[in-house]
Amino acid sequence: MTKARLLRLSVVLVSIFMILLIIVYWDNVGTAHFYLHTSFSRPRSPGAIAAGEDWEALPDVDEFLAKLLSSSLKHNSSIPRKTEQLLVQGSNKPVSNLEENVRGYDWSTHKDRTSLDQEKLQVERQRTLREFCANSSFTFPTKERSFDDIPNYELNHLIVDDRHGVIYCYVPKVACTNWKRVMIVLSESLLDQGVPYRNPLDIPREHVHNTSTHLTFNKFWRRYGKFSRHLMKIKLKKYTKFLFVRDPFVRLISAFRSKFELENEDFYRRFAIPMLKLYSNHTNLPTSVSEAFGAGLKVSFSDFIQYLLDPRTEKMAPFNEHWRQVYRLCHPCQIDYDFIGKLETLDEDAAYLLQLLKVDRLLRFPPSYRNRTASSWEDNWFAKIPLAWRQQLYKLYEADFVLFGYPKPENLLKD
């Protein structure tokens, strides 16, 4: 009887082991390409674990998967020298005149800028984030939940590059188009005539924002089934995690300019028409954005703020990602980010991050836009917004201000 039980147990264990081998080694896009050759020096990071180090105490399945993943590192080498040279050559290709004219890129080297003490800056940003996440007196929705409590659909902004061991949480209106381009180049997730893209700016914008282009955490369930959460946790411990943020009010202005001051058919139908009806008392609105603009029917910034503050908005559907709070997109109190970049220091932060990831020889971050929305615009944009609305709006985005060290805009919140 005992032998029969042992035999059955052996069969079960062997079956589980074989399933895990298939998941880890035979998946084309996932962990089979786990080329972790980054060496990220993070000041006193409690969660960072380099290849070959002992793992912290994990549940049995997590520990088993972790060891299995670690063993695969021995079989993977860094990008061959020939490929590396190709990437370097491609990354210096100048942007086309058309894109230069449309997007307004700034290719200057900014040598006149005072170099930032990036390591000290990262220590301060991470300390601020950790302190407020641990501060029980500072509360905001979803702060206290664990990573396991986050539903899969809320993990769709975490892009994974298994080739280099990198996880990027993208925040719309914070240079996310170009960071997505960088992730495509690094992960080789998109081909041009059978060859991976080498230069980020060669990647068309319509492909950049196509969800099928990126491997994100919310896709793990379909790929790994019941092991998906275990693998997420392992990659969160093992990989280098970064995000870029921006002054919350300036980000709102940028989102408004992009989606409502320019002709955007989708945003007109989904958001502008309801706003115009609810807050400007318009009826019988045109069905197309071009007709509406031709008739002078545009959403005002005041309409947009009313929409954000209206309690009915969230009841109907969560905020669109372009104005959803960063803490809801990237879960900074549940995920221990290794690098926090800011749009206000984008050029310096991007160069430093690529250097830390040891991919700065493969590509450079695309240049910033000359027409970037400036913080100094806040006073003008909010001048006609009632004080009570401004104060409510601050409470709505307070967590993003506090967690990422942005000063409270006192001049906008007082008479």
Protein backbone atom coordinates (compact mmCIF):
# COMPACT_ATOMS: atom_id res chain seq x y z
CA MET A 1 0.00 0.00 0.00
CA THR A 2 2.83 2.38 0.94
CA LYS A 3 4.68 1.59 -2.30
CA ALA A 4 1.55 2.34 -4.33
CA ARG A 5 1.17 5.73 -2.65
CA LEU A 6 4.83 6.53 -3.23
CA LEU A 7 4.45 5.54 -6.86
CA ARG A 8 1.43 7.80 -7.32
CA LEU A 9 3.23 10.65 -5.58
CA SER A 10 6.25 10.16 -7.84
CA VAL A 11 4.09 10.24 -10.93
CA VAL A 12 2.45 13.50 -9.78
CA LEU A 13 5.78 15.13 -8.99
CA VAL A 14 7.30 14.06 -12.31
CA SER A 15 4.25 15.39 -14.15
CA ILE A 16 4.49 18.76 -12.40
CA PHE A 17 8.22 18.92 -13.12
CA MET A 18 7.68 18.20 -16.82
CA ILE A 19 4.95 20.85 -17.06
CA LEU A 20 7.26 23.42 -15.51
CA LEU A 21 10.07 22.46 -17.87
CA ILE A 22 7.75 22.98 -20.82
CA ILE A 23 6.65 26.37 -19.47
CA VAL A 24 10.16 27.59 -18.80
CA TYR A 25 12.12 26.16 -21.70
CA TRP A 26 9.67 25.83 -24.59
CA ASP A 27 7.85 29.13 -24.44
CA ASN A 28 8.98 31.19 -27.43
CA VAL A 29 8.44 34.61 -25.97
CA GLY A 30 8.52 34.14 -22.25
CA THR A 31 11.04 32.87 -19.78
CA ALA A 32 12.97 30.83 -22.33
CA HIS A 33 14.60 34.12 -23.40
CA PHE A 34 15.59 35.15 -19.91
CA TYR A 35 18.90 36.85 -20.78
CA LEU A 36 19.52 38.72 -17.56
CA HIS A 37 22.79 40.51 -18.23
CA THR A 38 21.96 43.71 -16.44
CA SER A 39 23.91 44.78 -13.40
CA PHE A 40 21.80 47.36 -11.70
CA SER A 41 23.44 49.10 -8.79
CA ARG A 42 20.62 50.16 -6.59
CA PRO A 43 21.33 51.92 -3.29
CA ARG A 44 20.10 49.66 -0.49
CA SER A 45 17.30 48.04 -2.43
CA PRO A 46 15.59 45.46 -0.23
CA GLY A 47 14.04 43.50 -3.10
CA ALA A 48 16.78 43.34 -5.73
CA ILE A 49 18.35 39.91 -6.24
CA ALA A 50 21.19 39.34 -8.66
CA ALA A 51 21.65 36.14 -10.64
CA GLY A 52 23.17 33.37 -8.54
CA GLU A 53 22.27 34.88 -5.15
CA ASP A 54 20.14 33.06 -2.61
CA TRP A 55 16.44 33.70 -2.87
CA GLU A 56 14.44 35.12 -0.01
CA ALA A 57 11.91 32.82 1.62
CA LEU A 58 9.25 32.04 -0.95
CA PRO A 59 6.35 29.61 -1.10
CA ASP A 60 7.36 26.15 -2.28
CA VAL A 61 6.15 26.58 -5.85
CA ASP A 62 7.77 30.01 -6.10
CA GLU A 63 11.06 28.66 -4.79
CA PHE A 64 11.02 25.74 -7.20
CA LEU A 65 10.27 28.01 -10.17
CA ALA A 66 12.94 30.46 -9.01
CA LYS A 67 15.62 27.78 -8.96
CA LEU A 68 14.48 26.49 -12.32
CA LEU A 69 14.67 29.99 -13.78
CA SER A 70 18.08 30.60 -12.25
CA SER A 71 19.44 27.41 -13.78
CA SER A 72 18.42 28.63 -17.23
CA LEU A 73 20.69 31.66 -16.85
CA LYS A 74 23.75 29.43 -17.21
CA HIS A 75 22.70 28.49 -20.73
CA ASN A 76 22.13 32.04 -21.95
CA SER A 77 24.85 34.46 -23.00
CA SER A 78 24.72 38.16 -23.77
CA ILE A 79 23.92 39.50 -27.25
CA PRO A 80 26.62 38.47 -29.75
CA ARG A 81 29.16 41.11 -30.67
CA LYS A 82 28.02 41.27 -34.28
CA THR A 83 24.42 41.94 -33.28
CA GLU A 84 25.55 44.55 -30.78
CA GLN A 85 27.41 46.44 -33.48
CA LEU A 86 24.36 46.39 -35.72
CA LEU A 87 22.24 47.87 -32.96
CA VAL A 88 24.72 50.64 -32.29
CA GLN A 89 24.83 51.58 -35.95
CA GLY A 90 21.04 51.57 -36.25
CA SER A 91 20.49 53.63 -33.11
CA ASN A 92 22.37 56.62 -34.52
CA LYS A 93 20.24 56.87 -37.63
CA PRO A 94 18.77 60.40 -37.83
CA VAL A 95 15.02 60.79 -37.73
CA SER A 96 13.31 61.56 -41.02
CA ASN A 97 12.55 65.18 -41.92
CA LEU A 98 8.82 64.46 -41.86
CA GLU A 99 8.85 63.13 -38.32
CA GLU A 100 11.17 65.96 -37.25
CA ASN A 101 8.69 68.52 -38.57
CA VAL A 102 5.63 66.86 -37.10
CA ARG A 103 6.91 65.86 -33.69
CA GLY A 104 9.40 68.68 -33.10
CA TYR A 105 12.31 66.62 -31.80
CA ASP A 106 15.19 68.28 -29.99
CA TRP A 107 18.44 66.54 -30.95
CA SER A 108 20.67 68.87 -28.93
CA THR A 109 23.03 67.23 -26.46
CA HIS A 110 22.18 69.64 -23.62
CA LYS A 111 25.84 69.91 -22.65
CA ASP A 112 25.12 73.23 -20.99
CA ARG A 113 22.94 71.54 -18.37
CA THR A 114 24.37 70.90 -14.94
CA SER A 115 24.88 67.17 -14.60
CA LEU A 116 22.67 65.66 -11.93
CA ASP A 117 23.91 63.40 -9.19
CA GLN A 118 21.74 60.60 -10.45
CA GLU A 119 22.57 58.07 -7.79
CA LYS A 120 21.71 60.52 -5.01
CA LEU A 121 18.57 61.49 -6.89
CA GLN A 122 17.40 57.89 -7.07
CA VAL A 123 18.05 57.35 -3.37
CA GLU A 124 15.90 60.36 -2.54
CA ARG A 125 13.05 59.42 -4.90
CA GLN A 126 12.92 55.85 -3.66
CA ARG A 127 13.13 56.94 -0.02
CA THR A 128 10.20 59.32 -0.49
CA LEU A 129 8.11 56.61 -2.13
CA ARG A 130 8.88 53.95 0.49
CA GLU A 131 8.29 56.31 3.42
CA PHE A 132 4.83 57.37 2.28
CA CYS A 133 3.86 53.83 1.31
CA ALA A 134 4.78 52.79 4.87
CA ASN A 135 3.14 55.83 6.50
CA SER A 136 -0.15 54.64 7.95
CA SER A 137 -1.43 58.21 8.35
CA PHE A 138 -1.22 58.80 4.59
CA THR A 139 -3.99 56.87 2.87
CA PHE A 140 -5.43 56.58 -0.60
CA PRO A 141 -7.55 53.93 -2.39
CA THR A 142 -5.89 50.53 -2.98
CA LYS A 143 -2.85 51.44 -0.87
CA GLU A 144 -3.24 48.62 1.62
CA ARG A 145 -3.95 45.78 -0.77
CA SER A 146 -1.29 43.20 -1.59
CA PHE A 147 0.10 42.35 -5.01
CA ASP A 148 -2.09 39.22 -5.05
CA ASP A 149 -5.16 41.43 -4.64
CA ILE A 150 -4.45 43.34 -7.87
CA PRO A 151 -6.64 41.92 -10.64
CA ASN A 152 -4.95 40.89 -13.87
CA TYR A 153 -6.58 43.61 -15.94
CA GLU A 154 -4.87 46.22 -13.75
CA LEU A 155 -1.45 44.78 -14.61
CA ASN A 156 -1.69 45.63 -18.30
CA HIS A 157 0.81 48.52 -18.03
CA LEU A 158 3.72 46.35 -16.90
CA ILE A 159 5.75 45.51 -20.01
CA VAL A 160 8.26 42.67 -19.69
CA ASP A 161 11.55 42.25 -21.58
CA ASP A 162 12.80 38.75 -20.79
CA ARG A 163 15.92 39.15 -22.90
CA HIS A 164 17.40 41.77 -20.59
CA GLY A 165 15.42 41.21 -17.41
CA VAL A 166 13.55 44.53 -17.48
CA ILE A 167 10.01 45.49 -16.48
CA TYR A 168 8.67 48.90 -17.49
CA CYS A 169 5.41 50.34 -16.22
CA TYR A 170 4.27 52.83 -18.80
CA VAL A 171 2.39 56.00 -17.89
CA PRO A 172 0.65 57.74 -20.81
CA LYS A 173 1.75 61.33 -21.41
CA VAL A 174 5.13 60.62 -19.79
CA ALA A 175 7.28 59.80 -22.85
CA CYS A 176 5.69 56.35 -22.94
CA THR A 177 5.69 56.14 -26.75
CA ASN A 178 9.46 56.31 -26.89
CA TRP A 179 9.98 54.06 -23.88
CA LYS A 180 7.72 51.49 -25.52
CA ARG A 181 9.90 51.81 -28.62
CA VAL A 182 12.97 51.14 -26.49
CA MET A 183 11.32 48.04 -24.99
CA ILE A 184 10.47 46.76 -28.49
CA VAL A 185 14.09 47.12 -29.59
CA LEU A 186 15.41 45.41 -26.44
CA SER A 187 12.93 42.53 -26.49
CA GLU A 188 13.02 42.17 -30.29
CA SER A 189 9.26 41.73 -30.14
CA LEU A 190 8.63 43.36 -33.52
CA LEU A 191 10.25 42.63 -36.88
CA ASP A 192 10.72 44.76 -39.96
CA GLN A 193 10.98 42.50 -43.02
CA GLY A 194 12.11 39.65 -40.80
CA VAL A 195 14.72 41.68 -38.91
CA PRO A 196 14.23 43.13 -35.39
CA TYR A 197 14.08 46.91 -35.20
CA ARG A 198 17.40 48.48 -34.17
CA ASN A 199 16.48 52.14 -34.04
CA PRO A 200 13.51 53.06 -31.79
CA LEU A 201 12.39 55.92 -34.05
CA ASP A 202 12.04 53.55 -37.00
CA ILE A 203 9.09 51.88 -35.28
CA PRO A 204 5.75 53.32 -36.52
CA ARG A 205 3.54 54.81 -33.82
CA GLU A 206 0.61 52.55 -34.72
CA HIS A 207 2.75 49.50 -33.90
CA VAL A 208 4.12 51.02 -30.71
CA HIS A 209 0.70 51.23 -29.06
CA ASN A 210 -0.63 47.95 -30.42
CA THR A 211 -1.21 45.78 -27.35
CA SER A 212 -0.17 42.64 -29.22
CA THR A 213 3.34 44.06 -29.61
CA HIS A 214 4.20 43.84 -25.91
CA LEU A 215 4.34 41.07 -23.34
CA THR A 216 2.52 42.46 -20.31
CA PHE A 217 1.70 40.94 -16.93
CA ASN A 218 -2.01 40.70 -17.69
CA LYS A 219 -1.17 38.24 -20.51
CA PHE A 220 0.57 35.82 -18.13
CA TRP A 221 -2.64 34.01 -17.23
CA ARG A 222 -3.20 32.87 -20.81
CA ARG A 223 0.45 31.88 -21.13
CA TYR A 224 1.22 30.26 -17.77
CA GLY A 225 -2.18 29.49 -16.24
CA LYS A 226 -2.15 28.92 -12.50
CA PHE A 227 1.60 29.53 -12.33
CA SER A 228 1.23 33.09 -13.65
CA ARG A 229 1.27 34.88 -10.28
CA HIS A 230 4.26 32.86 -9.11
CA LEU A 231 6.20 33.83 -12.22
CA MET A 232 5.18 37.47 -11.87
CA LYS A 233 6.53 37.56 -8.31
CA ILE A 234 9.78 35.93 -9.36
CA LYS A 235 10.30 38.37 -12.21
CA LEU A 236 9.46 41.28 -9.94
CA LYS A 237 12.21 40.13 -7.59
CA LYS A 238 14.69 39.26 -10.32
CA TYR A 239 14.18 41.92 -12.98
CA THR A 240 14.97 45.63 -13.00
CA LYS A 241 11.73 47.58 -12.68
CA PHE A 242 11.32 51.20 -13.71
CA LEU A 243 8.71 53.85 -14.44
CA PHE A 244 8.64 57.51 -15.43
CA VAL A 245 6.32 60.04 -13.82
CA ARG A 246 5.36 63.67 -14.25
CA ASP A 247 3.79 66.55 -12.35
CA PRO A 248 0.16 65.31 -12.11
CA PHE A 249 -1.52 68.59 -13.09
CA VAL A 250 0.84 69.14 -16.03
CA ARG A 251 0.12 65.59 -17.17
CA LEU A 252 -3.60 66.41 -17.16
CA ILE A 253 -2.99 69.50 -19.29
CA SER A 254 -0.93 67.42 -21.71
CA ALA A 255 -3.65 64.76 -21.92
CA PHE A 256 -6.30 67.40 -22.60
CA ARG A 257 -4.22 69.05 -25.34
CA SER A 258 -3.47 65.73 -26.99
CA LYS A 259 -6.94 64.20 -26.91
CA PHE A 260 -9.33 67.14 -27.14
CA GLU A 261 -7.52 70.02 -28.85
CA LEU A 262 -6.48 67.81 -31.77
CA GLU A 263 -8.93 65.91 -33.93
CA ASN A 264 -9.22 62.46 -32.42
CA GLU A 265 -12.22 60.48 -33.62
CA ASP A 266 -12.14 57.86 -30.90
CA PHE A 267 -11.83 60.31 -28.01
CA TYR A 268 -14.45 62.59 -29.55
CA ARG A 269 -17.04 59.81 -29.64
CA ARG A 270 -16.16 58.18 -26.33
CA PHE A 271 -15.53 61.24 -24.19
CA ALA A 272 -16.07 64.59 -25.92
CA ILE A 273 -19.70 64.02 -26.89
CA PRO A 274 -20.77 63.04 -23.32
CA MET A 275 -18.80 65.98 -21.87
CA LEU A 276 -20.36 68.48 -24.27
CA LYS A 277 -23.83 67.17 -23.46
CA LEU A 278 -23.37 67.03 -19.70
CA TYR A 279 -21.37 70.15 -19.00
CA SER A 280 -22.02 72.49 -21.97
CA ASN A 281 -25.68 71.61 -22.57
CA HIS A 282 -25.14 70.83 -26.25
CA THR A 283 -27.60 68.62 -28.10
CA ASN A 284 -27.67 67.12 -31.59
CA LEU A 285 -23.89 67.04 -31.79
CA PRO A 286 -22.11 66.06 -35.03
CA THR A 287 -21.11 62.42 -35.28
CA SER A 288 -17.57 63.14 -36.49
CA VAL A 289 -14.83 65.16 -34.85
CA SER A 290 -14.02 67.08 -38.05
CA GLU A 291 -17.62 68.33 -38.26
CA ALA A 292 -17.60 69.29 -34.60
CA PHE A 293 -14.33 71.21 -34.90
CA GLY A 294 -15.62 72.90 -38.05
CA ALA A 295 -18.65 74.09 -36.08
CA GLY A 296 -16.46 75.28 -33.23
CA LEU A 297 -17.69 72.58 -30.86
CA LYS A 298 -14.76 71.60 -28.66
CA VAL A 299 -14.49 70.35 -25.11
CA SER A 300 -13.18 73.09 -22.84
CA PHE A 301 -10.62 72.51 -20.10
CA SER A 302 -13.38 73.36 -17.63
CA ASP A 303 -15.57 70.59 -19.13
CA PHE A 304 -12.68 68.16 -18.74
CA ILE A 305 -12.14 69.05 -15.06
CA GLN A 306 -15.87 68.69 -14.35
CA TYR A 307 -15.77 65.27 -15.99
CA LEU A 308 -12.86 64.17 -13.76
CA LEU A 309 -14.59 65.39 -10.60
CA ASP A 310 -18.02 64.02 -11.48
CA PRO A 311 -18.68 60.94 -9.27
CA ARG A 312 -20.69 59.41 -12.12
CA THR A 313 -17.54 59.13 -14.24
CA GLU A 314 -15.88 56.39 -12.21
CA LYS A 315 -19.16 54.59 -11.67
CA MET A 316 -19.55 54.14 -15.41
CA ALA A 317 -15.93 53.07 -16.08
CA PRO A 318 -12.44 53.55 -14.62
CA PHE A 319 -10.53 56.63 -15.70
CA ASN A 320 -8.96 56.38 -19.13
CA GLU A 321 -5.26 55.56 -18.88
CA HIS A 322 -4.28 59.03 -20.12
CA TRP A 323 -5.62 60.64 -16.97
CA ARG A 324 -5.72 57.70 -14.57
CA GLN A 325 -3.54 58.22 -11.51
CA VAL A 326 -0.05 56.69 -11.61
CA TYR A 327 -0.64 54.79 -8.38
CA ARG A 328 -3.51 52.99 -10.13
CA LEU A 329 -1.48 52.24 -13.25
CA CYS A 330 1.80 51.08 -11.68
CA HIS A 331 1.00 50.10 -8.07
CA PRO A 332 4.11 51.68 -6.51
CA CYS A 333 3.28 50.54 -2.96
CA GLN A 334 2.97 46.91 -4.09
CA ILE A 335 5.89 46.86 -6.54
CA ASP A 336 9.37 47.85 -5.38
CA TYR A 337 10.66 49.90 -8.32
CA ASP A 338 14.42 50.03 -8.85
CA PHE A 339 14.36 53.27 -10.84
CA ILE A 340 12.01 56.24 -10.79
CA GLY A 341 12.47 58.62 -13.69
CA LYS A 342 10.78 61.98 -14.19
CA LEU A 343 9.80 63.74 -17.37
CA GLU A 344 11.20 66.96 -15.94
CA THR A 345 14.68 65.38 -16.04
CA LEU A 346 13.98 62.97 -18.90
CA ASP A 347 17.21 63.32 -20.87
CA GLU A 348 19.48 62.81 -17.87
CA ASP A 349 17.36 60.07 -16.31
CA ALA A 350 17.02 58.12 -19.57
CA ALA A 351 20.74 58.20 -20.30
CA TYR A 352 21.55 57.09 -16.75
CA LEU A 353 19.00 54.27 -16.80
CA LEU A 354 20.23 52.84 -20.12
CA GLN A 355 23.74 52.93 -18.73
CA LEU A 356 22.70 51.09 -15.57
CA LEU A 357 20.88 48.51 -17.67
CA LYS A 358 24.06 48.09 -19.73
CA VAL A 359 22.22 48.66 -22.98
CA ASP A 360 23.54 52.14 -23.71
CA ARG A 361 25.82 50.67 -26.40
CA LEU A 362 22.82 49.11 -28.12
CA LEU A 363 20.66 52.20 -28.49
CA ARG A 364 20.03 55.69 -27.23
CA PHE A 365 16.80 57.12 -25.97
CA PRO A 366 14.95 59.12 -28.64
CA PRO A 367 15.24 62.89 -28.26
CA SER A 368 12.68 64.87 -26.33
CA TYR A 369 10.05 67.10 -27.88
CA ARG A 370 10.69 70.81 -28.15
CA ASN A 371 6.99 71.53 -27.62
CA ARG A 372 6.65 69.63 -24.35
CA THR A 373 3.96 70.98 -22.02
CA ALA A 374 5.68 73.17 -19.43
CA SER A 375 5.01 73.36 -15.69
CA SER A 376 4.82 77.14 -15.98
CA TRP A 377 1.58 76.75 -17.94
CA GLU A 378 -0.37 75.59 -14.88
CA ASP A 379 -1.33 79.08 -13.69
CA ASN A 380 -2.82 80.03 -17.08
CA TRP A 381 -4.65 76.74 -17.61
CA PHE A 382 -6.22 76.74 -14.15
CA ALA A 383 -6.92 80.48 -13.98
CA LYS A 384 -10.60 80.03 -14.95
CA ILE A 385 -11.13 76.86 -12.91
CA PRO A 386 -13.00 77.58 -9.64
CA LEU A 387 -10.91 77.25 -6.48
CA ALA A 388 -13.17 74.53 -5.05
CA TRP A 389 -12.66 72.44 -8.20
CA ARG A 390 -8.89 72.87 -8.02
CA GLN A 391 -8.89 71.71 -4.41
CA GLN A 392 -11.01 68.67 -5.24
CA LEU A 393 -8.76 67.87 -8.18
CA TYR A 394 -5.70 68.00 -5.96
CA LYS A 395 -7.30 65.51 -3.55
CA LEU A 396 -8.03 63.25 -6.52
CA TYR A 397 -4.35 63.24 -7.55
CA GLU A 398 -2.76 63.88 -4.16
CA ALA A 399 -1.21 60.41 -3.92
CA ASP A 400 0.73 60.97 -7.15
CA PHE A 401 1.99 64.34 -5.90
CA VAL A 402 3.12 62.93 -2.56
CA LEU A 403 4.50 59.53 -3.56
CA PHE A 404 6.70 60.94 -6.30
CA GLY A 405 7.86 64.05 -4.49
CA TYR A 406 6.02 66.75 -6.41
CA PRO A 407 5.35 69.88 -4.32
CA LYS A 408 1.79 70.77 -3.50
CA PRO A 409 0.71 73.57 -5.89
CA GLU A 410 -0.17 76.01 -3.13
CA ASN A 411 -0.63 78.90 -5.57
CA LEU A 412 -3.48 77.01 -7.24
CA LEU A 413 -5.14 75.90 -4.02
CA LYS A 414 -5.52 79.27 -2.32
CA ASP A 415 -7.30 82.52 -3.21
